[in-house]
Amino acid sequence: MIHIFVSSKKRLYLFKWHEKDFHEVRFDYNQSFTDKPSSMRVVEDTLFLSCGREYLLMKLTDKSNEEGEYWMGECRRLFEFNDNAAIVEMRDRDLLGFVHGDTLVLTNLEGHKTHTADVRFSDVLTDVVYDSPYVVGLLPKGRVEVRSLNPSYLIQSMALSKASLLCAGNPGYVFVSSSFDVWMLDVHTNIRKNVSLLISDKQFDLAIQIVEMSNFFTEENKIEIKRQAALNLFHRRKFEESFQLYADIKTDVITIIQMFPEFLPEKLQKDAAAFDLPANDKKRALLALGNYLSAVRSLLWGEWKEETINLTIKTRPSLVDSLLRLHNNSCFFEDAESILKAENRLPSLFILYESRKKHEMALELLRSQYQDPESDPFFHGFDRIVGYLQTLGNTHLELIFKYTRWVLDKDVSAGLEEHVIYKWDETRPQFHEALVEHYIIEVKLLYKDYVQAFPDAFYEERALVLGRLKHHEQALAIYTSILNDFDAAEEYCRIYYDQSDEINSQV
């Protein structure tokens, strides 16, 4: 069914095409016009129009019933304008353009401003049409300007004698007319030359828009232009956008990794100086690279395993252990072992051995580090090696006997008492009483050592635990009401606030 709005004097009329003729449809609206409505454009269920010096929006509602077709319009004011009025729809971008002097004001399809920048011309606009990705404006004295929309860029300017009207044709064609002449603007003419000029000027966004809407370029041409655009974004320090574009065109991961020569053997490195970055930019680039590799993990499995742990150590060292514990952590064992040894991250190396079931390597590491007086506190005592031995089954009896003998030689009580009760389910009182007495002695010794170091009843530790449990109100109460440490409370909020998390967004 075809409907048409007609403006006559100070009223609007609605007609529909039915049985080879137009028939008026009942149409009421809540607006008294002070001038003749003009420059009308219907977008879905909304009529945009100008009246006097104002742009208006009229929401259309179908109130038809058994008695016949009936429409109502609810009108609201958008904004005022100077000089000439014109409204242009940009459906592929979900935008509308309203002429306001020498500027094309852009809104969404509801008439609200967007983040897209308005398009400014060199003089007052008398008419305007849209032919993606261009906006063509008619200016006084028959001058025509062709501009890109995003980014706004002057493409061409020409003078056509007494030109007075613009009309959009098929994609790529715009018609200009005067009282005596008609001209056709053909965007396809010299399109390859124009794209080459845009690329040389590093106007990659516009170049990509043009090649995407044109049939003159092969897929290989389009990918090459996007590849150059991605590299340009990298050199402009827009790392996330760069890697996203690389992902869109399915670039080989090795090409991306070559931007970080330190991650590759010498034979695969490109010119390192070309990708040399200051320290802060390098860290941001590495974080973006880590996100990129995570995003393409399922598609490119196996091509970048060594870089996963290398990147994590350099950008998120606190997450290395969590990464190693993952069953599907995308790390080659030999590469990860070499990197962890080089970085002297021996607790993480133990976790690697444990997660890969390299039991003898794990036990030997625990034993060697126990004997090293300067080892990490992670390796102090027998608890970890005893606990590890307890997890081994009958298939590892040789290892169990080998390392249990060493533990028993060092400390019989540590190697035997708890195992007798917890693993053999021994119920006789003398064993339980002996273990309780041992615990009491150990606790008293620890209490003497630590009571001076923690005079505040572990309130900070409680707050940390409550934070991990997302009990933020209780944690903040400790900082503000008990410890009176408001700086720590602010830091707590900064750490835990997460707009996308239902609970953490309330911090």
Protein backbone atom coordinates (compact mmCIF):
# COMPACT_ATOMS: atom_id res chain seq x y z
CA MET A 1 0.00 0.00 0.00
CA ILE A 2 1.42 3.39 -1.02
CA HIS A 3 0.79 6.44 1.19
CA ILE A 4 1.75 10.02 0.41
CA PHE A 5 1.82 13.19 2.54
CA VAL A 6 0.78 16.47 0.93
CA SER A 7 1.43 19.93 2.34
CA SER A 8 -1.06 22.61 1.36
CA LYS A 9 -1.16 26.07 2.90
CA LYS A 10 -0.75 25.38 6.63
CA ARG A 11 -2.01 21.81 6.74
CA LEU A 12 -0.84 18.27 6.10
CA TYR A 13 -2.94 15.72 4.24
CA LEU A 14 -2.49 11.96 3.92
CA PHE A 15 -3.49 10.01 0.81
CA LYS A 16 -3.25 6.35 -0.16
CA TRP A 17 -3.17 4.74 -3.60
CA HIS A 18 -6.11 2.39 -3.98
CA GLU A 19 -7.93 1.09 -7.07
CA LYS A 20 -5.89 3.24 -9.47
CA ASP A 21 -6.52 6.49 -7.63
CA PHE A 22 -5.48 8.44 -4.55
CA HIS A 23 -7.96 8.54 -1.64
CA GLU A 24 -7.69 10.83 1.35
CA VAL A 25 -7.09 9.12 4.70
CA ARG A 26 -8.26 10.59 7.98
CA PHE A 27 -5.22 12.17 9.62
CA ASP A 28 -5.14 14.24 12.82
CA TYR A 29 -2.14 15.73 14.62
CA ASN A 30 -1.41 17.87 17.67
CA GLN A 31 0.23 20.81 15.93
CA SER A 32 -0.95 24.12 14.51
CA PHE A 33 1.47 25.24 11.82
CA THR A 34 2.29 28.94 11.53
CA ASP A 35 3.65 28.45 8.02
CA LYS A 36 3.44 25.95 5.20
CA PRO A 37 5.21 22.66 6.11
CA SER A 38 7.99 21.75 3.69
CA SER A 39 11.04 19.51 3.23
CA MET A 40 9.15 16.44 4.38
CA ARG A 41 10.70 12.98 4.72
CA VAL A 42 9.12 9.81 6.16
CA VAL A 43 11.43 7.37 7.95
CA GLU A 44 9.62 4.21 9.11
CA ASP A 45 6.83 5.49 11.43
CA THR A 46 8.17 9.05 11.73
CA LEU A 47 7.63 12.14 9.58
CA PHE A 48 10.40 14.75 9.63
CA LEU A 49 9.56 18.18 8.24
CA SER A 50 10.43 21.85 8.36
CA CYS A 51 8.04 24.68 9.09
CA GLY A 52 9.04 28.31 9.21
CA ARG A 53 12.51 28.25 10.78
CA GLU A 54 12.10 25.01 12.69
CA TYR A 55 12.62 21.32 12.08
CA LEU A 56 9.89 19.12 13.53
CA LEU A 57 9.44 15.42 14.18
CA MET A 58 5.98 13.83 13.98
CA LYS A 59 5.48 10.32 15.36
CA LEU A 60 2.81 8.48 13.33
CA THR A 61 0.39 6.01 14.92
CA ASP A 62 -2.07 3.80 13.06
CA LYS A 63 -5.48 4.10 14.77
CA SER A 64 -7.45 2.27 12.08
CA ASN A 65 -10.59 0.39 13.12
CA GLU A 66 -13.65 -1.22 11.55
CA GLU A 67 -14.94 2.19 10.47
CA GLY A 68 -11.88 2.83 8.29
CA GLU A 69 -8.25 3.83 8.17
CA TYR A 70 -7.19 6.53 10.62
CA TRP A 71 -3.75 7.92 11.52
CA MET A 72 -2.61 10.25 14.30
CA GLY A 73 0.57 12.32 14.53
CA GLU A 74 2.30 13.53 17.69
CA CYS A 75 4.63 16.40 16.92
CA ARG A 76 7.71 17.72 18.75
CA ARG A 77 10.27 20.39 17.93
CA LEU A 78 13.83 19.42 17.02
CA PHE A 79 15.79 22.67 16.50
CA GLU A 80 15.81 25.94 14.61
CA PHE A 81 17.71 26.61 11.39
CA ASN A 82 18.81 29.51 9.19
CA ASP A 83 18.47 30.04 5.44
CA ASN A 84 17.30 26.96 3.49
CA ALA A 85 15.77 23.72 4.78
CA ALA A 86 16.58 20.22 3.52
CA ILE A 87 16.45 16.75 5.08
CA VAL A 88 18.47 13.79 3.81
CA GLU A 89 18.30 10.16 4.95
CA MET A 90 21.43 7.99 5.28
CA ARG A 91 19.86 4.58 5.80
CA ASP A 92 23.08 2.55 5.64
CA ARG A 93 24.39 4.54 8.62
CA ASP A 94 21.06 4.94 10.48
CA LEU A 95 21.49 8.72 10.28
CA LEU A 96 19.54 11.77 9.18
CA GLY A 97 21.02 15.04 7.96
CA PHE A 98 19.37 18.45 8.48
CA VAL A 99 20.67 21.50 6.61
CA HIS A 100 21.50 24.34 8.99
CA GLY A 101 23.28 27.18 7.18
CA ASP A 102 26.61 25.82 5.92
CA THR A 103 26.38 22.68 8.10
CA LEU A 104 24.68 19.32 7.72
CA VAL A 105 23.57 18.47 11.27
CA LEU A 106 23.51 14.70 11.84
CA THR A 107 21.09 12.82 14.12
CA ASN A 108 19.93 9.24 14.54
CA LEU A 109 16.56 8.08 13.15
CA GLU A 110 14.86 9.33 16.31
CA GLY A 111 16.15 12.87 15.82
CA HIS A 112 18.74 12.69 18.62
CA LYS A 113 22.34 13.84 18.23
CA THR A 114 25.01 11.16 17.82
CA HIS A 115 28.79 11.01 18.21
CA THR A 116 29.18 11.35 14.44
CA ALA A 117 30.58 14.78 13.63
CA ASP A 118 28.46 17.20 11.59
CA VAL A 119 29.58 17.96 8.03
CA ARG A 120 30.50 21.56 7.28
CA PHE A 121 30.58 23.03 3.76
CA SER A 122 32.34 26.16 2.54
CA ASP A 123 29.11 28.16 2.10
CA VAL A 124 25.39 28.05 2.81
CA LEU A 125 23.69 24.91 1.50
CA THR A 126 20.72 25.24 -0.84
CA ASP A 127 20.29 21.50 -1.47
CA VAL A 128 21.94 18.26 -0.44
CA VAL A 129 21.83 14.55 -1.37
CA TYR A 130 23.57 11.47 0.01
CA ASP A 131 25.36 8.89 -2.11
CA SER A 132 27.35 6.58 0.18
CA PRO A 133 30.00 7.33 1.29
CA TYR A 134 29.61 10.92 0.02
CA VAL A 135 27.43 13.91 0.79
CA VAL A 136 26.90 16.20 -2.22
CA GLY A 137 25.97 19.79 -1.42
CA LEU A 138 24.71 22.54 -3.72
CA LEU A 139 25.99 26.01 -2.77
CA PRO A 140 25.18 29.51 -4.09
CA LYS A 141 26.23 30.43 -7.64
CA GLY A 142 25.95 26.84 -8.86
CA ARG A 143 28.93 25.53 -6.91
CA VAL A 144 28.83 21.82 -6.00
CA GLU A 145 30.93 20.25 -3.22
CA VAL A 146 31.44 16.53 -2.68
CA ARG A 147 32.46 15.60 0.85
CA SER A 148 32.96 12.36 2.72
CA LEU A 149 30.88 11.79 5.81
CA ASN A 150 33.19 10.04 8.23
CA PRO A 151 35.83 11.30 8.28
CA SER A 152 34.64 14.65 6.89
CA TYR A 153 36.93 15.38 3.95
CA LEU A 154 36.57 17.60 0.86
CA ILE A 155 36.69 15.28 -2.16
CA GLN A 156 35.85 17.64 -5.02
CA SER A 157 34.52 21.12 -5.73
CA MET A 158 33.13 22.31 -9.08
CA ALA A 159 31.10 25.18 -10.53
CA LEU A 160 28.10 24.39 -12.77
CA SER A 161 26.39 27.35 -14.43
CA LYS A 162 23.17 28.30 -12.60
CA ALA A 163 22.78 24.83 -11.03
CA SER A 164 19.70 24.85 -8.80
CA LEU A 165 18.70 21.25 -7.97
CA LEU A 166 20.29 17.95 -6.90
CA CYS A 167 18.84 14.48 -7.34
CA ALA A 168 20.32 11.13 -6.26
CA GLY A 169 20.23 8.34 -8.87
CA ASN A 170 21.49 4.78 -8.67
CA PRO A 171 24.44 4.24 -6.29
CA GLY A 172 27.42 6.15 -7.60
CA TYR A 173 25.38 8.66 -9.65
CA VAL A 174 24.10 12.13 -8.72
CA PHE A 175 22.24 14.46 -11.11
CA VAL A 176 22.51 18.26 -11.07
CA SER A 177 20.13 20.47 -13.03
CA SER A 178 19.59 24.09 -13.97
CA SER A 179 16.83 25.71 -15.99
CA PHE A 180 18.53 24.61 -19.22
CA ASP A 181 21.01 21.81 -18.41
CA VAL A 182 21.33 18.49 -16.60
CA TRP A 183 24.70 17.10 -15.45
CA MET A 184 25.53 13.65 -14.16
CA LEU A 185 28.22 13.16 -11.51
CA ASP A 186 29.70 9.68 -11.85
CA VAL A 187 31.70 8.47 -8.83
CA HIS A 188 33.02 5.49 -10.80
CA THR A 189 35.13 7.69 -13.05
CA ASN A 190 38.77 7.54 -11.91
CA ILE A 191 37.76 5.57 -8.83
CA ARG A 192 41.04 3.63 -8.72
CA LYS A 193 43.04 6.85 -8.98
CA ASN A 194 40.96 8.44 -6.23
CA VAL A 195 41.49 5.47 -3.90
CA SER A 196 45.24 5.56 -4.57
CA LEU A 197 45.32 9.26 -3.66
CA LEU A 198 43.41 8.58 -0.44
CA ILE A 199 45.85 5.83 0.50
CA SER A 200 48.85 8.07 -0.17
CA ASP A 201 47.21 10.68 2.08
CA LYS A 202 46.60 7.92 4.70
CA GLN A 203 42.83 8.45 4.49
CA PHE A 204 42.30 4.72 4.93
CA ASP A 205 38.81 4.87 6.46
CA LEU A 206 37.41 6.60 3.40
CA ALA A 207 39.39 4.41 1.00
CA ILE A 208 37.93 1.28 2.65
CA GLN A 209 34.39 2.68 2.46
CA ILE A 210 34.80 3.36 -1.26
CA VAL A 211 36.24 -0.05 -2.18
CA GLU A 212 33.58 -1.84 -0.12
CA MET A 213 30.73 -0.27 -2.12
CA SER A 214 32.46 -0.66 -5.48
CA ASN A 215 32.63 -3.61 -7.88
CA PHE A 216 35.91 -2.36 -9.36
CA PHE A 217 38.09 -3.95 -6.67
CA THR A 218 38.85 -7.62 -6.03
CA GLU A 219 38.82 -9.17 -2.56
CA GLU A 220 42.63 -9.22 -2.69
CA ASN A 221 42.64 -5.45 -3.36
CA LYS A 222 40.31 -4.84 -0.42
CA ILE A 223 42.39 -7.00 1.95
CA GLU A 224 45.62 -5.26 0.95
CA ILE A 225 44.11 -1.82 1.61
CA LYS A 226 42.85 -2.98 5.01
CA ARG A 227 46.26 -4.47 5.79
CA GLN A 228 47.89 -1.09 5.10
CA ALA A 229 45.21 0.59 7.21
CA ALA A 230 45.89 -1.79 10.12
CA LEU A 231 49.62 -1.12 9.96
CA ASN A 232 48.93 2.63 9.89
CA LEU A 233 46.77 2.29 13.01
CA PHE A 234 49.60 0.43 14.74
CA HIS A 235 52.09 3.22 14.00
CA ARG A 236 49.50 5.75 15.25
CA ARG A 237 49.44 3.81 18.57
CA LYS A 238 45.83 2.65 18.04
CA PHE A 239 46.73 -0.92 18.89
CA GLU A 240 43.29 -2.36 19.69
CA GLU A 241 41.83 -1.01 16.44
CA SER A 242 44.86 -2.23 14.50
CA PHE A 243 44.63 -5.81 15.76
CA GLN A 244 40.86 -5.85 15.30
CA LEU A 245 41.31 -4.94 11.64
CA TYR A 246 44.02 -7.58 11.27
CA ALA A 247 41.59 -10.11 12.77
CA ASP A 248 38.83 -9.05 10.36
CA ILE A 249 41.01 -9.83 7.34
CA LYS A 250 42.29 -13.07 8.94
CA THR A 251 45.95 -12.06 8.86
CA ASP A 252 48.49 -14.79 9.70
CA VAL A 253 49.41 -14.61 13.36
CA ILE A 254 53.12 -14.69 12.52
CA THR A 255 52.68 -11.38 10.69
CA ILE A 256 51.33 -9.81 13.87
CA ILE A 257 54.00 -11.34 16.08
CA GLN A 258 56.70 -9.93 13.78
CA MET A 259 55.78 -6.51 15.13
CA PHE A 260 57.34 -7.74 18.39
CA PRO A 261 60.74 -9.10 17.28
CA GLU A 262 61.77 -10.14 20.79
CA PHE A 263 59.21 -12.96 20.66
CA LEU A 264 60.65 -14.60 17.53
CA PRO A 265 63.86 -16.35 16.53
CA GLU A 266 66.23 -14.16 14.54
CA LYS A 267 65.43 -15.77 11.19
CA LEU A 268 61.76 -14.76 11.49
CA GLN A 269 62.35 -11.21 12.69
CA LYS A 270 61.64 -8.19 10.53
CA ASP A 271 63.26 -4.79 10.91
CA ALA A 272 63.10 -4.31 14.69
CA ALA A 273 63.62 -0.53 14.41
CA ALA A 274 60.38 -0.20 12.41
CA PHE A 275 58.38 -1.36 15.44
CA ASP A 276 60.43 0.22 18.21
CA LEU A 277 58.10 1.78 20.79
CA PRO A 278 58.54 3.74 24.02
CA ALA A 279 58.04 1.67 27.18
CA ASN A 280 54.48 2.82 27.91
CA ASP A 281 53.34 2.31 24.33
CA LYS A 282 55.05 -1.09 24.22
CA LYS A 283 53.09 -2.22 27.27
CA ARG A 284 49.79 -1.05 25.75
CA ALA A 285 50.69 -2.82 22.51
CA LEU A 286 51.47 -6.05 24.37
CA LEU A 287 48.15 -5.89 26.23
CA ALA A 288 46.32 -5.38 22.94
CA LEU A 289 48.27 -8.27 21.39
CA GLY A 290 47.30 -10.52 24.29
CA ASN A 291 43.63 -9.66 23.78
CA TYR A 292 43.97 -10.29 20.06
CA LEU A 293 45.58 -13.71 20.56
CA SER A 294 42.89 -14.67 23.06
CA ALA A 295 40.17 -13.64 20.63
CA VAL A 296 41.52 -15.74 17.78
CA ARG A 297 42.50 -18.72 19.95
CA SER A 298 39.93 -21.15 18.58
CA LEU A 299 40.66 -20.21 14.96
CA LEU A 300 44.43 -20.22 15.13
CA TRP A 301 45.09 -22.94 17.66
CA GLY A 302 48.70 -23.98 17.89
CA GLU A 303 50.39 -21.11 16.04
CA TRP A 304 51.18 -18.84 18.98
CA LYS A 305 51.47 -20.97 22.11
CA GLU A 306 54.88 -19.67 23.19
CA GLU A 307 53.72 -16.04 22.96
CA THR A 308 50.84 -16.69 25.38
CA ILE A 309 52.99 -17.21 28.46
CA ASN A 310 55.62 -14.71 27.29
CA LEU A 311 52.99 -11.98 26.96
CA THR A 312 51.38 -12.89 30.28
CA ILE A 313 54.71 -12.62 32.12
CA LYS A 314 55.41 -9.21 30.59
CA THR A 315 51.94 -7.66 30.91
CA ARG A 316 50.02 -9.54 33.62
CA PRO A 317 52.58 -11.36 35.79
CA SER A 318 50.05 -11.99 38.56
CA LEU A 319 48.00 -14.12 36.15
CA VAL A 320 50.80 -16.49 35.09
CA ASP A 321 49.97 -19.12 37.71
CA SER A 322 46.29 -19.04 36.81
CA LEU A 323 47.18 -19.46 33.13
CA LEU A 324 49.40 -22.45 33.86
CA ARG A 325 46.67 -24.16 35.87
CA LEU A 326 44.29 -24.05 32.91
CA HIS A 327 43.99 -27.38 31.16
CA ASN A 328 43.68 -25.62 27.79
CA ASN A 329 46.32 -22.94 28.32
CA SER A 330 47.87 -22.87 24.84
CA CYS A 331 51.48 -23.24 26.04
CA PHE A 332 54.10 -25.63 24.71
CA PHE A 333 55.70 -27.34 27.72
CA GLU A 334 59.32 -26.95 26.61
CA ASP A 335 58.89 -23.28 25.68
CA ALA A 336 57.03 -22.46 28.90
CA GLU A 337 59.67 -24.27 30.99
CA SER A 338 62.49 -22.38 29.29
CA ILE A 339 60.77 -19.00 29.73
CA LEU A 340 59.95 -19.59 33.41
CA LYS A 341 63.52 -20.66 34.17
CA ALA A 342 64.89 -17.62 32.36
CA GLU A 343 62.56 -15.36 34.36
CA ASN A 344 63.43 -17.27 37.60
CA ARG A 345 59.74 -17.88 38.30
CA LEU A 346 60.28 -21.19 40.12
CA PRO A 347 56.91 -21.37 41.94
CA SER A 348 55.25 -20.97 38.54
CA LEU A 349 57.59 -23.65 37.17
CA PHE A 350 56.35 -26.04 39.89
CA ILE A 351 52.75 -25.30 38.88
CA LEU A 352 53.66 -26.05 35.25
CA TYR A 353 55.15 -29.41 36.26
CA GLU A 354 52.15 -30.18 38.46
CA SER A 355 49.55 -29.28 35.80
CA ARG A 356 51.38 -31.34 33.14
CA LYS A 357 51.80 -34.29 35.55
CA LYS A 358 55.59 -34.10 35.38
CA HIS A 359 55.72 -35.59 38.88
CA GLU A 360 59.41 -36.33 39.20
CA MET A 361 60.33 -32.87 37.89
CA ALA A 362 57.94 -31.28 40.39
CA LEU A 363 59.24 -33.32 43.33
CA GLU A 364 62.87 -32.73 42.42
CA LEU A 365 62.21 -28.99 42.19
CA LEU A 366 60.58 -29.01 45.64
CA ARG A 367 63.51 -30.94 47.12
CA SER A 368 66.23 -28.81 45.53
CA GLN A 369 64.55 -25.54 46.55
CA TYR A 370 63.97 -26.77 50.11
CA GLN A 371 67.72 -27.26 50.41
CA ASP A 372 68.45 -23.77 49.05
CA PRO A 373 68.49 -21.28 51.96
CA GLU A 374 67.72 -18.39 49.58
CA SER A 375 64.74 -20.08 47.90
CA ASP A 376 61.28 -18.55 47.60
CA PRO A 377 59.08 -18.95 50.74
CA PHE A 378 56.79 -20.98 48.48
CA PHE A 379 59.24 -23.89 48.93
CA HIS A 380 59.80 -23.62 52.69
CA GLY A 381 58.78 -26.55 54.88
CA PHE A 382 57.58 -30.04 54.00
CA ASP A 383 53.86 -29.38 53.62
CA ARG A 384 53.94 -28.94 49.86
CA ILE A 385 56.04 -32.01 49.08
CA VAL A 386 54.11 -34.19 51.55
CA GLY A 387 50.83 -32.98 50.08
CA TYR A 388 52.10 -33.70 46.57
CA LEU A 389 53.16 -37.24 47.49
CA GLN A 390 49.72 -37.87 48.97
CA THR A 391 48.08 -37.14 45.62
CA LEU A 392 50.10 -39.79 43.75
CA GLY A 393 48.50 -43.19 43.20
CA ASN A 394 49.81 -46.74 43.09
CA THR A 395 51.22 -46.22 39.61
CA HIS A 396 53.89 -43.93 41.10
CA LEU A 397 55.05 -46.08 44.02
CA GLU A 398 58.70 -45.78 43.02
CA LEU A 399 58.52 -42.00 43.21
CA ILE A 400 56.57 -42.12 46.47
CA PHE A 401 59.16 -44.38 48.14
CA LYS A 402 62.07 -42.33 46.78
CA TYR A 403 60.90 -38.94 48.06
CA THR A 404 59.12 -40.21 51.19
CA ARG A 405 62.41 -41.66 52.37
CA TRP A 406 64.02 -38.25 51.98
CA VAL A 407 61.17 -36.51 53.87
CA LEU A 408 61.27 -39.05 56.73
CA ASP A 409 65.03 -38.63 57.00
CA LYS A 410 64.48 -34.90 57.47
CA ASP A 411 61.38 -34.90 59.72
CA VAL A 412 59.51 -38.03 60.74
CA SER A 413 56.55 -36.18 62.27
CA ALA A 414 55.95 -34.09 59.17
CA GLY A 415 56.03 -37.10 56.92
CA LEU A 416 53.96 -39.55 58.97
CA GLU A 417 51.52 -38.31 61.63
CA GLU A 418 48.98 -36.45 59.50
CA HIS A 419 49.07 -39.11 56.78
CA VAL A 420 48.29 -41.86 59.32
CA ILE A 421 45.15 -40.06 60.46
CA TYR A 422 43.84 -38.40 57.31
CA LYS A 423 44.78 -40.95 54.67
CA TRP A 424 44.70 -44.25 56.61
CA ASP A 425 41.70 -43.18 58.72
CA GLU A 426 43.44 -44.20 61.95
CA THR A 427 40.97 -43.83 64.86
CA ARG A 428 43.03 -44.84 67.91
CA PRO A 429 43.17 -41.96 70.47
CA GLN A 430 46.93 -41.96 70.94
CA PHE A 431 47.54 -40.89 67.34
CA HIS A 432 44.94 -38.13 67.45
CA GLU A 433 46.18 -36.86 70.80
CA ALA A 434 49.75 -36.81 69.56
CA LEU A 435 48.74 -34.84 66.47
CA VAL A 436 46.69 -32.36 68.53
CA GLU A 437 49.64 -31.79 70.87
CA HIS A 438 51.86 -31.23 67.84
CA TYR A 439 49.40 -28.69 66.44
CA ILE A 440 49.20 -26.85 69.77
CA ILE A 441 52.96 -26.55 69.98
CA GLU A 442 53.20 -25.31 66.40
CA VAL A 443 50.43 -22.75 66.88
CA LYS A 444 51.95 -21.40 70.07
CA LEU A 445 55.30 -20.97 68.37
CA LEU A 446 53.68 -19.21 65.43
CA TYR A 447 51.65 -16.99 67.76
CA LYS A 448 54.81 -15.78 69.49
CA ASP A 449 56.36 -14.96 66.13
CA TYR A 450 53.40 -13.17 64.59
CA VAL A 451 51.39 -11.57 67.39
CA GLN A 452 53.54 -8.41 67.24
CA ALA A 453 53.33 -8.22 63.47
CA PHE A 454 49.50 -8.32 63.37
CA PRO A 455 48.13 -6.20 66.25
CA ASP A 456 44.90 -5.38 64.37
CA ALA A 457 43.33 -8.86 64.41
CA PHE A 458 43.96 -9.32 60.66
CA TYR A 459 41.41 -6.67 59.67
CA GLU A 460 43.13 -5.88 56.37
CA GLU A 461 43.28 -9.56 55.54
CA ARG A 462 39.59 -9.90 56.38
CA ALA A 463 38.80 -7.04 54.03
CA LEU A 464 40.76 -8.72 51.23
CA VAL A 465 38.89 -11.99 51.70
CA LEU A 466 35.53 -10.20 51.85
CA GLY A 467 36.42 -8.40 48.63
CA ARG A 468 37.12 -11.66 46.84
CA LEU A 469 33.73 -12.92 48.07
CA LYS A 470 32.09 -9.72 46.72
CA HIS A 471 30.94 -8.72 50.24
CA HIS A 472 31.91 -5.14 49.47
CA GLU A 473 29.78 -3.43 52.14
CA GLN A 474 31.44 -5.39 54.95
CA ALA A 475 34.91 -4.86 53.50
CA LEU A 476 34.42 -1.09 53.19
CA ALA A 477 33.04 -0.97 56.73
CA ILE A 478 36.36 -2.39 58.00
CA TYR A 479 38.38 0.25 56.13
CA THR A 480 36.19 3.21 57.11
CA SER A 481 34.86 2.31 60.58
CA ILE A 482 37.60 0.14 62.14
CA LEU A 483 40.87 1.02 60.40
CA ASN A 484 39.83 4.60 59.51
CA ASP A 485 41.89 4.24 56.34
CA PHE A 486 39.88 6.15 53.74
CA ASP A 487 42.68 6.08 51.16
CA ALA A 488 42.61 2.29 51.31
CA ALA A 489 38.81 2.39 50.93
CA GLU A 490 39.13 4.52 47.77
CA GLU A 491 41.78 2.17 46.38
CA TYR A 492 39.48 -0.79 47.16
CA CYS A 493 36.65 0.82 45.16
CA ARG A 494 39.00 1.53 42.26
CA ILE A 495 40.16 -2.10 42.15
CA TYR A 496 36.78 -3.77 42.42
CA TYR A 497 34.50 -1.41 40.49
CA ASP A 498 33.35 -3.07 37.26
CA GLN A 499 30.48 -1.48 35.35
CA SER A 500 29.69 -4.73 33.53
CA ASP A 501 29.38 -6.80 36.73
CA GLU A 502 26.01 -6.77 38.51
CA ILE A 503 27.56 -6.79 42.03
CA ASN A 504 30.85 -4.97 41.44
CA SER A 505 29.05 -2.12 39.66
CA GLN A 506 27.50 -1.19 43.04
CA VAL A 507 30.88 -0.53 44.70
